[in-house]
Protein backbone atom coordinates (compact mmCIF):
# COMPACT_ATOMS: atom_id res chain seq x y z
CA UNK A 1 20.32 -2.66 3.48
CA UNK A 2 20.94 -0.85 7.04
CA UNK A 3 20.29 -3.26 10.10
CA UNK A 4 20.04 -1.61 13.49
CA UNK A 5 20.06 -3.89 16.81
CA UNK A 6 17.92 -2.96 19.64
CA UNK A 7 20.78 -1.84 21.92
CA UNK A 8 21.14 0.75 18.58
CA UNK A 9 17.82 1.79 18.86
CA UNK A 10 18.15 2.49 22.95
CA UNK A 11 20.90 4.83 22.07
CA UNK A 12 19.21 6.51 19.92
CA UNK A 13 16.37 6.80 22.16
CA UNK A 14 13.91 4.67 19.84
CA UNK A 15 11.57 1.92 21.61
CA UNK A 16 11.92 -1.34 19.55
CA UNK A 17 7.95 -1.31 19.85
CA UNK A 18 7.63 1.95 17.69
CA UNK A 19 10.01 -0.14 15.06
CA UNK A 20 7.77 -3.06 15.06
CA UNK A 21 5.06 -0.86 14.46
CA UNK A 22 6.34 0.85 11.24
CA UNK A 23 7.37 -1.95 9.74
CA UNK A 24 4.01 -3.56 10.06
CA UNK A 25 2.67 -0.04 8.54
CA UNK A 26 5.16 -0.41 5.97
CA UNK A 27 4.43 -4.13 4.89
CA UNK A 28 0.53 -3.41 4.85
CA UNK A 29 1.31 -0.32 2.18
CA UNK A 30 3.37 -2.66 -0.12
CA UNK A 31 0.75 -5.49 0.27
CA UNK A 32 -2.16 -3.21 -0.58
CA UNK A 33 -4.61 -4.26 -2.99
CA UNK A 34 -4.35 -3.33 -6.72
CA UNK A 35 -7.62 -2.11 -7.56
CA UNK A 36 -8.78 -3.41 -11.02
CA UNK A 37 -10.74 -1.29 -13.78
CA UNK A 38 -14.42 -1.27 -13.60
CA UNK A 39 -16.08 -3.04 -16.19
CA UNK A 40 -18.02 -1.49 -18.74
CA UNK A 41 -21.84 -2.56 -18.77
CA UNK A 42 -22.77 -3.37 -22.54
CA UNK A 43 -25.94 -1.71 -23.85
CA UNK A 44 -25.39 1.26 -21.30
CA UNK A 45 -25.10 4.95 -22.92
CA UNK A 46 -21.52 5.27 -22.07
CA UNK A 47 -20.88 1.87 -23.98
CA UNK A 48 -22.77 3.39 -26.81
CA UNK A 49 -21.01 6.46 -26.19
CA UNK A 50 -17.61 5.01 -26.47
CA UNK A 51 -18.61 2.88 -29.49
CA UNK A 52 -19.46 5.79 -31.36
CA UNK A 53 -16.01 7.34 -30.82
């Protein structure tokens, strides 16, 4: 893992505020909730078709 100090960021021309914003965005992407599969309702036309297959 690469760690850059604030002095290094200033030399490159990147403000620490920008870095903090990018870290927050990446954390939200990692913590995104997993979408669960929709539950199939019993007695619907779709359920009957799947049962016939």
